[in-house]
Amino acid sequence: MFLPLTIAVAVAALALAAWCGYAAVKDEPTKDWHFAGMAVVTVLALAQVVVGLVQLGRGEEADEGTAVFVAYLLAAGFAVPATGLLSLSERSRWGSATVAVGGFVLAVLQVRLHDIWAGSGG
């Protein structure tokens, strides 16, 4: 995987999680600017999906298996959009909390993707 992109996705996801978590604490639903932040994080995650699939297409392999890698890669691509859609149906603080959890999950998925690609040896 392309490590700088993985780090950028993780940092952006954690920033989104903190931002939406703060909104949840303030008892606010997700607002338009939260969706703009989700769009930025989603674009980064989708760029990572493309990079990962291109690397697989070039014949490179994940150390822990292609199927596991692709499953995590697709989950990373859908984590924030899925929670964003859920937040639209829950127009309260819990919508913001849902997106905060989605951002945190995406950051954790980045760590796992790095581990799957690089293996335990780094």
PDB file of N, CA and C in Angstrom:
ATOM      1  N   MET A   1       0.842  -1.191   0.000  1.00  0.00           N
ATOM      2  CA  MET A   1       0.000   0.000   0.000  1.00  0.00           C
ATOM      3  C   MET A   1       0.877   1.242   0.000  1.00  0.00           C
ATOM      4  N   PHE A   2       0.271   2.318  -0.350  1.00  0.00           N
ATOM      5  CA  PHE A   2       0.945   3.609  -0.380  1.00  0.00           C
ATOM      6  C   PHE A   2       0.799   4.239   1.008  1.00  0.00           C
ATOM      7  N   LEU A   3       1.861   4.151   1.812  1.00  0.00           N
ATOM      8  CA  LEU A   3       1.802   4.539   3.227  1.00  0.00           C
ATOM      9  C   LEU A   3       1.365   5.989   3.455  1.00  0.00           C
ATOM     10  N   PRO A   4       1.852   6.976   2.682  1.00  0.00           N
ATOM     11  CA  PRO A   4       1.379   8.345   2.936  1.00  0.00           C
ATOM     12  C   PRO A   4      -0.132   8.500   2.770  1.00  0.00           C
ATOM     13  N   LEU A   5      -0.715   7.800   1.809  1.00  0.00           N
ATOM     14  CA  LEU A   5      -2.168   7.864   1.633  1.00  0.00           C
ATOM     15  C   LEU A   5      -2.885   7.192   2.799  1.00  0.00           C
ATOM     16  N   THR A   6      -2.355   6.082   3.269  1.00  0.00           N
ATOM     17  CA  THR A   6      -2.942   5.391   4.418  1.00  0.00           C
ATOM     18  C   THR A   6      -2.935   6.297   5.646  1.00  0.00           C
ATOM     19  N   ILE A   7      -1.826   6.987   5.857  1.00  0.00           N
ATOM     20  CA  ILE A   7      -1.727   7.909   6.995  1.00  0.00           C
ATOM     21  C   ILE A   7      -2.693   9.079   6.821  1.00  0.00           C
ATOM     22  N   ALA A   8      -2.781   9.615   5.604  1.00  0.00           N
ATOM     23  CA  ALA A   8      -3.691  10.738   5.351  1.00  0.00           C
ATOM     24  C   ALA A   8      -5.142  10.341   5.603  1.00  0.00           C
ATOM     25  N   VAL A   9      -5.522   9.159   5.167  1.00  0.00           N
ATOM     26  CA  VAL A   9      -6.895   8.691   5.397  1.00  0.00           C
ATOM     27  C   VAL A   9      -7.151   8.540   6.892  1.00  0.00           C
ATOM     28  N   ALA A  10      -6.202   7.943   7.606  1.00  0.00           N
ATOM     29  CA  ALA A  10      -6.382   7.730   9.048  1.00  0.00           C
ATOM     30  C   ALA A  10      -6.489   9.055   9.799  1.00  0.00           C
ATOM     31  N   VAL A  11      -5.634  10.003   9.469  1.00  0.00           N
ATOM     32  CA  VAL A  11      -5.661  11.300  10.155  1.00  0.00           C
ATOM     33  C   VAL A  11      -6.952  12.050   9.835  1.00  0.00           C
ATOM     34  N   ALA A  12      -7.352  12.041   8.559  1.00  0.00           N
ATOM     35  CA  ALA A  12      -8.608  12.707   8.183  1.00  0.00           C
ATOM     36  C   ALA A  12      -9.806  12.047   8.859  1.00  0.00           C
ATOM     37  N   ALA A  13      -9.784  10.727   8.943  1.00  0.00           N
ATOM     38  CA  ALA A  13     -10.885  10.009   9.597  1.00  0.00           C
ATOM     39  C   ALA A  13     -10.959  10.335  11.080  1.00  0.00           C
ATOM     40  N   LEU A  14      -9.801  10.410  11.727  1.00  0.00           N
ATOM     41  CA  LEU A  14      -9.799  10.769  13.154  1.00  0.00           C
ATOM     42  C   LEU A  14     -10.238  12.209  13.368  1.00  0.00           C
ATOM     43  N   ALA A  15      -9.862  13.109  12.457  1.00  0.00           N
ATOM     44  CA  ALA A  15     -10.315  14.497  12.564  1.00  0.00           C
ATOM     45  C   ALA A  15     -11.839  14.573  12.409  1.00  0.00           C
ATOM     46  N   LEU A  16     -12.376  13.817  11.449  1.00  0.00           N
ATOM     47  CA  LEU A  16     -13.828  13.768  11.271  1.00  0.00           C
ATOM     48  C   LEU A  16     -14.509  13.188  12.509  1.00  0.00           C
ATOM     49  N   ALA A  17     -13.919  12.150  13.076  1.00  0.00           N
ATOM     50  CA  ALA A  17     -14.496  11.540  14.280  1.00  0.00           C
ATOM     51  C   ALA A  17     -14.518  12.537  15.437  1.00  0.00           C
ATOM     52  N   ALA A  18     -13.435  13.273  15.600  1.00  0.00           N
ATOM     53  CA  ALA A  18     -13.379  14.262  16.679  1.00  0.00           C
ATOM     54  C   ALA A  18     -14.390  15.388  16.443  1.00  0.00           C
ATOM     55  N   TRP A  19     -14.475  15.841  15.209  1.00  0.00           N
ATOM     56  CA  TRP A  19     -15.381  16.929  14.863  1.00  0.00           C
ATOM     57  C   TRP A  19     -16.841  16.539  15.075  1.00  0.00           C
ATOM     58  N   CYS A  20     -17.217  15.379  14.589  1.00  0.00           N
ATOM     59  CA  CYS A  20     -18.600  14.926  14.768  1.00  0.00           C
ATOM     60  C   CYS A  20     -18.866  14.500  16.204  1.00  0.00           C
ATOM     61  N   GLY A  21     -17.862  13.976  16.876  1.00  0.00           N
ATOM     62  CA  GLY A  21     -18.008  13.654  18.296  1.00  0.00           C
ATOM     63  C   GLY A  21     -18.268  14.906  19.118  1.00  0.00           C
ATOM     64  N   TYR A  22     -17.576  15.986  18.783  1.00  0.00           N
ATOM     65  CA  TYR A  22     -17.798  17.261  19.456  1.00  0.00           C
ATOM     66  C   TYR A  22     -19.224  17.760  19.215  1.00  0.00           C
ATOM     67  N   ALA A  23     -19.702  17.600  17.973  1.00  0.00           N
ATOM     68  CA  ALA A  23     -21.075  18.003  17.667  1.00  0.00           C
ATOM     69  C   ALA A  23     -22.073  17.171  18.475  1.00  0.00           C
ATOM     70  N   ALA A  24     -21.783  15.893  18.635  1.00  0.00           N
ATOM     71  CA  ALA A  24     -22.673  15.030  19.416  1.00  0.00           C
ATOM     72  C   ALA A  24     -22.703  15.464  20.878  1.00  0.00           C
ATOM     73  N   VAL A  25     -21.547  15.819  21.409  1.00  0.00           N
ATOM     74  CA  VAL A  25     -21.478  16.282  22.802  1.00  0.00           C
ATOM     75  C   VAL A  25     -22.264  17.583  22.961  1.00  0.00           C
ATOM     76  N   LYS A  26     -22.219  18.428  21.934  1.00  0.00           N
ATOM     77  CA  LYS A  26     -22.962  19.693  21.975  1.00  0.00           C
ATOM     78  C   LYS A  26     -24.436  19.515  21.633  1.00  0.00           C
ATOM     79  N   ASP A  27     -24.883  18.262  21.455  1.00  0.00           N
ATOM     80  CA  ASP A  27     -26.280  17.927  21.160  1.00  0.00           C
ATOM     81  C   ASP A  27     -26.724  18.484  19.810  1.00  0.00           C
ATOM     82  N   GLU A  28     -25.841  18.385  18.800  1.00  0.00           N
ATOM     83  CA  GLU A  28     -26.148  18.866  17.462  1.00  0.00           C
ATOM     84  C   GLU A  28     -26.192  17.710  16.469  1.00  0.00           C
ATOM     85  N   PRO A  29     -27.114  17.767  15.512  1.00  0.00           N
ATOM     86  CA  PRO A  29     -27.118  16.757  14.439  1.00  0.00           C
ATOM     87  C   PRO A  29     -26.021  17.071  13.432  1.00  0.00           C
ATOM     88  N   THR A  30     -25.815  16.183  12.487  1.00  0.00           N
ATOM     89  CA  THR A  30     -24.861  16.469  11.417  1.00  0.00           C
ATOM     90  C   THR A  30     -25.415  17.607  10.564  1.00  0.00           C
ATOM     91  N   LYS A  31     -24.511  18.488  10.175  1.00  0.00           N
ATOM     92  CA  LYS A  31     -24.898  19.644   9.364  1.00  0.00           C
ATOM     93  C   LYS A  31     -24.166  19.590   8.040  1.00  0.00           C
ATOM     94  N   ASP A  32     -24.450  20.553   7.178  1.00  0.00           N
ATOM     95  CA  ASP A  32     -23.873  20.548   5.837  1.00  0.00           C
ATOM     96  C   ASP A  32     -22.348  20.475   5.855  1.00  0.00           C
ATOM     97  N   TRP A  33     -21.714  21.211   6.750  1.00  0.00           N
ATOM     98  CA  TRP A  33     -20.246  21.204   6.771  1.00  0.00           C
ATOM     99  C   TRP A  33     -19.695  19.864   7.252  1.00  0.00           C
ATOM    100  N   HIS A  34     -20.474  19.134   8.042  1.00  0.00           N
ATOM    101  CA  HIS A  34     -20.051  17.779   8.406  1.00  0.00           C
ATOM    102  C   HIS A  34     -20.059  16.875   7.170  1.00  0.00           C
ATOM    103  N   PHE A  35     -21.087  17.065   6.327  1.00  0.00           N
ATOM    104  CA  PHE A  35     -21.155  16.265   5.107  1.00  0.00           C
ATOM    105  C   PHE A  35     -20.027  16.628   4.141  1.00  0.00           C
ATOM    106  N   ALA A  36     -19.601  17.878   4.153  1.00  0.00           N
ATOM    107  CA  ALA A  36     -18.436  18.266   3.343  1.00  0.00           C
ATOM    108  C   ALA A  36     -17.183  17.555   3.856  1.00  0.00           C
ATOM    109  N   GLY A  37     -17.037  17.481   5.174  1.00  0.00           N
ATOM    110  CA  GLY A  37     -15.914  16.739   5.752  1.00  0.00           C
ATOM    111  C   GLY A  37     -15.989  15.262   5.421  1.00  0.00           C
ATOM    112  N   MET A  38     -17.197  14.708   5.463  1.00  0.00           N
ATOM    113  CA  MET A  38     -17.358  13.298   5.098  1.00  0.00           C
ATOM    114  C   MET A  38     -16.982  13.077   3.637  1.00  0.00           C
ATOM    115  N   ALA A  39     -17.300  14.032   2.781  1.00  0.00           N
ATOM    116  CA  ALA A  39     -16.963  13.911   1.361  1.00  0.00           C
ATOM    117  C   ALA A  39     -15.447  13.885   1.160  1.00  0.00           C
ATOM    118  N   VAL A  40     -14.737  14.736   1.882  1.00  0.00           N
ATOM    119  CA  VAL A  40     -13.275  14.758   1.772  1.00  0.00           C
ATOM    120  C   VAL A  40     -12.692  13.421   2.217  1.00  0.00           C
ATOM    121  N   VAL A  41     -13.146  12.928   3.348  1.00  0.00           N
ATOM    122  CA  VAL A  41     -12.647  11.649   3.862  1.00  0.00           C
ATOM    123  C   VAL A  41     -13.009  10.519   2.906  1.00  0.00           C
ATOM    124  N   THR A  42     -14.205  10.557   2.355  1.00  0.00           N
ATOM    125  CA  THR A  42     -14.633   9.515   1.418  1.00  0.00           C
ATOM    126  C   THR A  42     -13.791   9.533   0.149  1.00  0.00           C
ATOM    127  N   VAL A  43     -13.472  10.712  -0.359  1.00  0.00           N
ATOM    128  CA  VAL A  43     -12.626  10.802  -1.557  1.00  0.00           C
ATOM    129  C   VAL A  43     -11.254  10.201  -1.276  1.00  0.00           C
ATOM    130  N   LEU A  44     -10.696  10.496  -0.111  1.00  0.00           N
ATOM    131  CA  LEU A  44      -9.406   9.900   0.259  1.00  0.00           C
ATOM    132  C   LEU A  44      -9.511   8.378   0.358  1.00  0.00           C
ATOM    133  N   ALA A  45     -10.574   7.897   0.978  1.00  0.00           N
ATOM    134  CA  ALA A  45     -10.754   6.446   1.127  1.00  0.00           C
ATOM    135  C   ALA A  45     -10.953   5.778  -0.230  1.00  0.00           C
ATOM    136  N   LEU A  46     -11.701   6.412  -1.118  1.00  0.00           N
ATOM    137  CA  LEU A  46     -11.899   5.834  -2.447  1.00  0.00           C
ATOM    138  C   LEU A  46     -10.615   5.869  -3.267  1.00  0.00           C
ATOM    139  N   ALA A  47      -9.805   6.898  -3.070  1.00  0.00           N
ATOM    140  CA  ALA A  47      -8.488   6.924  -3.727  1.00  0.00           C
ATOM    141  C   ALA A  47      -7.655   5.742  -3.248  1.00  0.00           C
ATOM    142  N   GLN A  48      -7.758   5.426  -1.970  1.00  0.00           N
ATOM    143  CA  GLN A  48      -7.020   4.282  -1.436  1.00  0.00           C
ATOM    144  C   GLN A  48      -7.540   2.977  -2.028  1.00  0.00           C
ATOM    145  N   VAL A  49      -8.845   2.875  -2.230  1.00  0.00           N
ATOM    146  CA  VAL A  49      -9.414   1.683  -2.867  1.00  0.00           C
ATOM    147  C   VAL A  49      -8.829   1.519  -4.260  1.00  0.00           C
ATOM    148  N   VAL A  50      -8.778   2.607  -5.015  1.00  0.00           N
ATOM    149  CA  VAL A  50      -8.228   2.552  -6.370  1.00  0.00           C
ATOM    150  C   VAL A  50      -6.758   2.150  -6.339  1.00  0.00           C
ATOM    151  N   VAL A  51      -5.974   2.763  -5.457  1.00  0.00           N
ATOM    152  CA  VAL A  51      -4.546   2.432  -5.353  1.00  0.00           C
ATOM    153  C   VAL A  51      -4.367   0.961  -4.992  1.00  0.00           C
ATOM    154  N   GLY A  52      -5.140   0.483  -4.036  1.00  0.00           N
ATOM    155  CA  GLY A  52      -5.037  -0.920  -3.627  1.00  0.00           C
ATOM    156  C   GLY A  52      -5.385  -1.880  -4.752  1.00  0.00           C
ATOM    157  N   LEU A  53      -6.448  -1.569  -5.488  1.00  0.00           N
ATOM    158  CA  LEU A  53      -6.848  -2.442  -6.591  1.00  0.00           C
ATOM    159  C   LEU A  53      -5.840  -2.393  -7.737  1.00  0.00           C
ATOM    160  N   VAL A  54      -5.271  -1.224  -7.983  1.00  0.00           N
ATOM    161  CA  VAL A  54      -4.244  -1.111  -9.024  1.00  0.00           C
ATOM    162  C   VAL A  54      -3.013  -1.930  -8.639  1.00  0.00           C
ATOM    163  N   GLN A  55      -2.621  -1.855  -7.377  1.00  0.00           N
ATOM    164  CA  GLN A  55      -1.468  -2.645  -6.940  1.00  0.00           C
ATOM    165  C   GLN A  55      -1.740  -4.137  -7.087  1.00  0.00           C
ATOM    166  N   LEU A  56      -2.942  -4.550  -6.755  1.00  0.00           N
ATOM    167  CA  LEU A  56      -3.291  -5.963  -6.944  1.00  0.00           C
ATOM    168  C   LEU A  56      -3.295  -6.323  -8.432  1.00  0.00           C
ATOM    169  N   GLY A  57      -3.784  -5.412  -9.260  1.00  0.00           N
ATOM    170  CA  GLY A  57      -3.818  -5.648 -10.691  1.00  0.00           C
ATOM    171  C   GLY A  57      -2.433  -5.734 -11.320  1.00  0.00           C
ATOM    172  N   ARG A  58      -1.464  -5.071 -10.702  1.00  0.00           N
ATOM    173  CA  ARG A  58      -0.082  -5.138 -11.196  1.00  0.00           C
ATOM    174  C   ARG A  58       0.627  -6.407 -10.749  1.00  0.00           C
ATOM    175  N   GLY A  59      -0.050  -7.231  -9.983  1.00  0.00           N
ATOM    176  CA  GLY A  59       0.536  -8.502  -9.570  1.00  0.00           C
ATOM    177  C   GLY A  59       1.098  -8.512  -8.164  1.00  0.00           C
ATOM    178  N   GLU A  60       1.039  -7.385  -7.456  1.00  0.00           N
ATOM    179  CA  GLU A  60       1.491  -7.370  -6.074  1.00  0.00           C
ATOM    180  C   GLU A  60       0.460  -8.104  -5.217  1.00  0.00           C
ATOM    181  N   GLU A  61       0.921  -8.649  -4.110  1.00  0.00           N
ATOM    182  CA  GLU A  61       0.016  -9.398  -3.239  1.00  0.00           C
ATOM    183  C   GLU A  61       0.128  -8.938  -1.794  1.00  0.00           C
ATOM    184  N   ALA A  62      -0.997  -8.982  -1.120  1.00  0.00           N
ATOM    185  CA  ALA A  62      -1.016  -8.702   0.314  1.00  0.00           C
ATOM    186  C   ALA A  62      -0.452  -9.909   1.048  1.00  0.00           C
ATOM    187  N   ASP A  63       0.284  -9.656   2.115  1.00  0.00           N
ATOM    188  CA  ASP A  63       0.910 -10.748   2.856  1.00  0.00           C
ATOM    189  C   ASP A  63      -0.092 -11.687   3.499  1.00  0.00           C
ATOM    190  N   GLU A  64      -1.262 -11.172   3.874  1.00  0.00           N
ATOM    191  CA  GLU A  64      -2.251 -12.009   4.556  1.00  0.00           C
ATOM    192  C   GLU A  64      -3.364 -12.481   3.627  1.00  0.00           C
ATOM    193  N   GLY A  65      -3.195 -12.323   2.331  1.00  0.00           N
ATOM    194  CA  GLY A  65      -4.177 -12.839   1.382  1.00  0.00           C
ATOM    195  C   GLY A  65      -4.966 -11.759   0.680  1.00  0.00           C
ATOM    196  N   THR A  66      -5.247 -11.991  -0.569  1.00  0.00           N
ATOM    197  CA  THR A  66      -5.944 -11.012  -1.396  1.00  0.00           C
ATOM    198  C   THR A  66      -7.400 -10.831  -0.971  1.00  0.00           C
ATOM    199  N   ALA A  67      -8.086 -11.922  -0.669  1.00  0.00           N
ATOM    200  CA  ALA A  67      -9.508 -11.823  -0.312  1.00  0.00           C
ATOM    201  C   ALA A  67      -9.706 -10.994   0.956  1.00  0.00           C
ATOM    202  N   VAL A  68      -8.875 -11.213   1.948  1.00  0.00           N
ATOM    203  CA  VAL A  68      -8.984 -10.454   3.199  1.00  0.00           C
ATOM    204  C   VAL A  68      -8.669  -8.983   2.939  1.00  0.00           C
ATOM    205  N   PHE A  69      -7.644  -8.735   2.135  1.00  0.00           N
ATOM    206  CA  PHE A  69      -7.256  -7.364   1.819  1.00  0.00           C
ATOM    207  C   PHE A  69      -8.380  -6.627   1.097  1.00  0.00           C
ATOM    208  N   VAL A  70      -8.965  -7.254   0.087  1.00  0.00           N
ATOM    209  CA  VAL A  70     -10.037  -6.612  -0.674  1.00  0.00           C
ATOM    210  C   VAL A  70     -11.257  -6.368   0.218  1.00  0.00           C
ATOM    211  N   ALA A  71     -11.564  -7.301   1.091  1.00  0.00           N
ATOM    212  CA  ALA A  71     -12.699  -7.117   2.004  1.00  0.00           C
ATOM    213  C   ALA A  71     -12.492  -5.901   2.910  1.00  0.00           C
ATOM    214  N   TYR A  72     -11.316  -5.775   3.484  1.00  0.00           N
ATOM    215  CA  TYR A  72     -11.020  -4.618   4.330  1.00  0.00           C
ATOM    216  C   TYR A  72     -10.985  -3.335   3.508  1.00  0.00           C
ATOM    217  N   LEU A  73     -10.442  -3.415   2.306  1.00  0.00           N
ATOM    218  CA  LEU A  73     -10.357  -2.246   1.438  1.00  0.00           C
ATOM    219  C   LEU A  73     -11.744  -1.720   1.093  1.00  0.00           C
ATOM    220  N   LEU A  74     -12.656  -2.616   0.741  1.00  0.00           N
ATOM    221  CA  LEU A  74     -14.022  -2.201   0.427  1.00  0.00           C
ATOM    222  C   LEU A  74     -14.754  -1.685   1.666  1.00  0.00           C
ATOM    223  N   ALA A  75     -14.521  -2.310   2.804  1.00  0.00           N
ATOM    224  CA  ALA A  75     -15.127  -1.822   4.047  1.00  0.00           C
ATOM    225  C   ALA A  75     -14.645  -0.405   4.354  1.00  0.00           C
ATOM    226  N   ALA A  76     -13.363  -0.139   4.100  1.00  0.00           N
ATOM    227  CA  ALA A  76     -12.827   1.203   4.327  1.00  0.00           C
ATOM    228  C   ALA A  76     -13.475   2.211   3.384  1.00  0.00           C
ATOM    229  N   GLY A  77     -13.756   1.797   2.166  1.00  0.00           N
ATOM    230  CA  GLY A  77     -14.385   2.698   1.212  1.00  0.00           C
ATOM    231  C   GLY A  77     -15.826   3.040   1.553  1.00  0.00           C
ATOM    232  N   PHE A  78     -16.508   2.137   2.249  1.00  0.00           N
ATOM    233  CA  PHE A  78     -17.922   2.342   2.558  1.00  0.00           C
ATOM    234  C   PHE A  78     -18.200   2.780   3.999  1.00  0.00           C
ATOM    235  N   ALA A  79     -17.196   2.825   4.856  1.00  0.00           N
ATOM    236  CA  ALA A  79     -17.429   3.114   6.282  1.00  0.00           C
ATOM    237  C   ALA A  79     -18.058   4.487   6.503  1.00  0.00           C
ATOM    238  N   VAL A  80     -17.468   5.516   5.963  1.00  0.00           N
ATOM    239  CA  VAL A  80     -17.987   6.867   6.191  1.00  0.00           C
ATOM    240  C   VAL A  80     -19.265   7.143   5.397  1.00  0.00           C
ATOM    241  N   PRO A  81     -19.373   6.762   4.123  1.00  0.00           N
ATOM    242  CA  PRO A  81     -20.652   6.997   3.440  1.00  0.00           C
ATOM    243  C   PRO A  81     -21.831   6.288   4.113  1.00  0.00           C
ATOM    244  N   ALA A  82     -21.603   5.089   4.602  1.00  0.00           N
ATOM    245  CA  ALA A  82     -22.684   4.358   5.266  1.00  0.00           C
ATOM    246  C   ALA A  82     -23.147   5.074   6.530  1.00  0.00           C
ATOM    247  N   THR A  83     -22.204   5.532   7.334  1.00  0.00           N
ATOM    248  CA  THR A  83     -22.601   6.230   8.564  1.00  0.00           C
ATOM    249  C   THR A  83     -23.181   7.606   8.247  1.00  0.00           C
ATOM    250  N   GLY A  84     -22.732   8.218   7.154  1.00  0.00           N
ATOM    251  CA  GLY A  84     -23.327   9.490   6.734  1.00  0.00           C
ATOM    252  C   GLY A  84     -24.789   9.324   6.359  1.00  0.00           C
ATOM    253  N   LEU A  85     -25.092   8.250   5.635  1.00  0.00           N
ATOM    254  CA  LEU A  85     -26.493   7.979   5.294  1.00  0.00           C
ATOM    255  C   LEU A  85     -27.322   7.688   6.536  1.00  0.00           C
ATOM    256  N   LEU A  86     -26.752   6.955   7.466  1.00  0.00           N
ATOM    257  CA  LEU A  86     -27.480   6.687   8.712  1.00  0.00           C
ATOM    258  C   LEU A  86     -27.748   7.976   9.482  1.00  0.00           C
ATOM    259  N   SER A  87     -26.793   8.903   9.432  1.00  0.00           N
ATOM    260  CA  SER A  87     -26.985  10.151  10.174  1.00  0.00           C
ATOM    261  C   SER A  87     -28.107  10.993   9.577  1.00  0.00           C
ATOM    262  N   LEU A  88     -28.392  10.796   8.301  1.00  0.00           N
ATOM    263  CA  LEU A  88     -29.520  11.515   7.691  1.00  0.00           C
ATOM    264  C   LEU A  88     -30.860  11.046   8.247  1.00  0.00           C
ATOM    265  N   SER A  89     -30.931   9.780   8.611  1.00  0.00           N
ATOM    266  CA  SER A  89     -32.188   9.268   9.159  1.00  0.00           C
ATOM    267  C   SER A  89     -32.327   9.556  10.652  1.00  0.00           C
ATOM    268  N   GLU A  90     -31.248   9.926  11.286  1.00  0.00           N
ATOM    269  CA  GLU A  90     -31.273  10.235  12.727  1.00  0.00           C
ATOM    270  C   GLU A  90     -30.817  11.680  12.910  1.00  0.00           C
ATOM    271  N   ARG A  91     -31.757  12.593  12.829  1.00  0.00           N
ATOM    272  CA  ARG A  91     -31.430  14.010  12.885  1.00  0.00           C
ATOM    273  C   ARG A  91     -31.366  14.509  14.320  1.00  0.00           C
ATOM    274  N   SER A  92     -30.495  13.890  15.096  1.00  0.00           N
ATOM    275  CA  SER A  92     -30.258  14.315  16.468  1.00  0.00           C
ATOM    276  C   SER A  92     -28.765  14.160  16.743  1.00  0.00           C
ATOM    277  N   ARG A  93     -28.391  14.288  17.992  1.00  0.00           N
ATOM    278  CA  ARG A  93     -26.986  14.120  18.358  1.00  0.00           C
ATOM    279  C   ARG A  93     -26.472  12.739  17.990  1.00  0.00           C
ATOM    280  N   TRP A  94     -27.376  11.764  17.922  1.00  0.00           N
ATOM    281  CA  TRP A  94     -26.952  10.394  17.632  1.00  0.00           C
ATOM    282  C   TRP A  94     -26.516  10.227  16.180  1.00  0.00           C
ATOM    283  N   GLY A  95     -27.011  11.071  15.300  1.00  0.00           N
ATOM    284  CA  GLY A  95     -26.515  11.068  13.936  1.00  0.00           C
ATOM    285  C   GLY A  95     -25.052  11.491  13.888  1.00  0.00           C
ATOM    286  N   SER A  96     -24.720  12.524  14.637  1.00  0.00           N
ATOM    287  CA  SER A  96     -23.322  12.970  14.722  1.00  0.00           C
ATOM    288  C   SER A  96     -22.457  11.903  15.387  1.00  0.00           C
ATOM    289  N   ALA A  97     -22.999  11.269  16.405  1.00  0.00           N
ATOM    290  CA  ALA A  97     -22.248  10.210  17.088  1.00  0.00           C
ATOM    291  C   ALA A  97     -21.989   9.036  16.149  1.00  0.00           C
ATOM    292  N   THR A  98     -22.959   8.732  15.299  1.00  0.00           N
ATOM    293  CA  THR A  98     -22.800   7.643  14.338  1.00  0.00           C
ATOM    294  C   THR A  98     -21.648   7.933  13.375  1.00  0.00           C
ATOM    295  N   VAL A  99     -21.576   9.155  12.878  1.00  0.00           N
ATOM    296  CA  VAL A  99     -20.492   9.526  11.967  1.00  0.00           C
ATOM    297  C   VAL A  99     -19.154   9.518  12.708  1.00  0.00           C
ATOM    298  N   ALA A 100     -19.157   9.938  13.957  1.00  0.00           N
ATOM    299  CA  ALA A 100     -17.922   9.903  14.742  1.00  0.00           C
ATOM    300  C   ALA A 100     -17.403   8.471  14.870  1.00  0.00           C
ATOM    301  N   VAL A 101     -18.301   7.557  15.127  1.00  0.00           N
ATOM    302  CA  VAL A 101     -17.903   6.140  15.216  1.00  0.00           C
ATOM    303  C   VAL A 101     -17.416   5.646  13.858  1.00  0.00           C
ATOM    304  N   GLY A 102     -18.078   6.045  12.780  1.00  0.00           N
ATOM    305  CA  GLY A 102     -17.641   5.651  11.444  1.00  0.00           C
ATOM    306  C   GLY A 102     -16.243   6.155  11.122  1.00  0.00           C
ATOM    307  N   GLY A 103     -15.935   7.376  11.517  1.00  0.00           N
ATOM    308  CA  GLY A 103     -14.589   7.908  11.312  1.00  0.00           C
ATOM    309  C   GLY A 103     -13.547   7.139  12.101  1.00  0.00           C
ATOM    310  N   PHE A 104     -13.893   6.795  13.330  1.00  0.00           N
ATOM    311  CA  PHE A 104     -12.965   6.020  14.150  1.00  0.00           C
ATOM    312  C   PHE A 104     -12.752   4.628  13.560  1.00  0.00           C
ATOM    313  N   VAL A 105     -13.831   4.006  13.099  1.00  0.00           N
ATOM    314  CA  VAL A 105     -13.732   2.682  12.478  1.00  0.00           C
ATOM    315  C   VAL A 105     -12.835   2.750  11.244  1.00  0.00           C
ATOM    316  N   LEU A 106     -12.986   3.803  10.442  1.00  0.00           N
ATOM    317  CA  LEU A 106     -12.142   3.949   9.255  1.00  0.00           C
ATOM    318  C   LEU A 106     -10.669   4.069   9.641  1.00  0.00           C
ATOM    319  N   ALA A 107     -10.374   4.794  10.694  1.00  0.00           N
ATOM    320  CA  ALA A 107      -8.980   4.906  11.139  1.00  0.00           C
ATOM    321  C   ALA A 107      -8.437   3.548  11.579  1.00  0.00           C
ATOM    322  N   VAL A 108      -9.232   2.777  12.279  1.00  0.00           N
ATOM    323  CA  VAL A 108      -8.812   1.442  12.707  1.00  0.00           C
ATOM    324  C   VAL A 108      -8.621   0.533  11.488  1.00  0.00           C
ATOM    325  N   LEU A 109      -9.507   0.660  10.499  1.00  0.00           N
ATOM    326  CA  LEU A 109      -9.360  -0.127   9.282  1.00  0.00           C
ATOM    327  C   LEU A 109      -8.052   0.202   8.557  1.00  0.00           C
ATOM    328  N   GLN A 110      -7.598   1.439   8.667  1.00  0.00           N
ATOM    329  CA  GLN A 110      -6.326   1.812   8.034  1.00  0.00           C
ATOM    330  C   GLN A 110      -5.156   1.065   8.661  1.00  0.00           C
ATOM    331  N   VAL A 111      -5.177   0.970   9.965  1.00  0.00           N
ATOM    332  CA  VAL A 111      -4.122   0.221  10.655  1.00  0.00           C
ATOM    333  C   VAL A 111      -4.152  -1.239  10.229  1.00  0.00           C
ATOM    334  N   ARG A 112      -5.346  -1.789  10.161  1.00  0.00           N
ATOM    335  CA  ARG A 112      -5.478  -3.195   9.780  1.00  0.00           C
ATOM    336  C   ARG A 112      -5.076  -3.420   8.321  1.00  0.00           C
ATOM    337  N   LEU A 113      -5.448  -2.501   7.434  1.00  0.00           N
ATOM    338  CA  LEU A 113      -5.038  -2.622   6.040  1.00  0.00           C
ATOM    339  C   LEU A 113      -3.523  -2.616   5.905  1.00  0.00           C
ATOM    340  N   HIS A 114      -2.884  -1.745   6.656  1.00  0.00           N
ATOM    341  CA  HIS A 114      -1.416  -1.703   6.628  1.00  0.00           C
ATOM    342  C   HIS A 114      -0.841  -3.028   7.108  1.00  0.00           C
ATOM    343  N   ASP A 115      -1.405  -3.570   8.171  1.00  0.00           N
ATOM    344  CA  ASP A 115      -0.931  -4.862   8.683  1.00  0.00           C
ATOM    345  C   ASP A 115      -1.150  -5.990   7.674  1.00  0.00           C
ATOM    346  N   ILE A 116      -2.296  -6.000   7.028  1.00  0.00           N
ATOM    347  CA  ILE A 116      -2.607  -7.050   6.047  1.00  0.00           C
ATOM    348  C   ILE A 116      -1.652  -6.956   4.859  1.00  0.00           C
ATOM    349  N   TRP A 117      -1.373  -5.740   4.398  1.00  0.00           N
ATOM    350  CA  TRP A 117      -0.514  -5.577   3.237  1.00  0.00           C
ATOM    351  C   TRP A 117       0.939  -5.879   3.573  1.00  0.00           C
ATOM    352  N   ALA A 118       1.415  -5.347   4.690  1.00  0.00           N
ATOM    353  CA  ALA A 118       2.833  -5.463   5.024  1.00  0.00           C
ATOM    354  C   ALA A 118       3.163  -6.745   5.780  1.00  0.00           C
ATOM    355  N   GLY A 119       2.169  -7.383   6.368  1.00  0.00           N
ATOM    356  CA  GLY A 119       2.436  -8.575   7.178  1.00  0.00           C
ATOM    357  C   GLY A 119       2.988  -8.201   8.530  1.00  0.00           C
ATOM    358  N   SER A 120       3.212  -9.178   9.343  1.00  0.00           N
ATOM    359  CA  SER A 120       3.697  -8.915  10.706  1.00  0.00           C
ATOM    360  C   SER A 120       5.148  -8.476  10.724  1.00  0.00           C
ATOM    361  N   GLY A 121       5.863  -8.696   9.641  1.00  0.00           N
ATOM    362  CA  GLY A 121       7.270  -8.308   9.579  1.00  0.00           C
ATOM    363  C   GLY A 121       7.489  -6.868   9.206  1.00  0.00           C
ATOM    364  N   GLY A 122       6.395  -6.126   8.826  1.00  0.00           N
ATOM    365  CA  GLY A 122       6.505  -4.711   8.501  1.00  0.00           C
ATOM    366  C   GLY A 122       6.750  -4.528   7.077  1.00  0.00           C
TER     367      GLY A 122
END
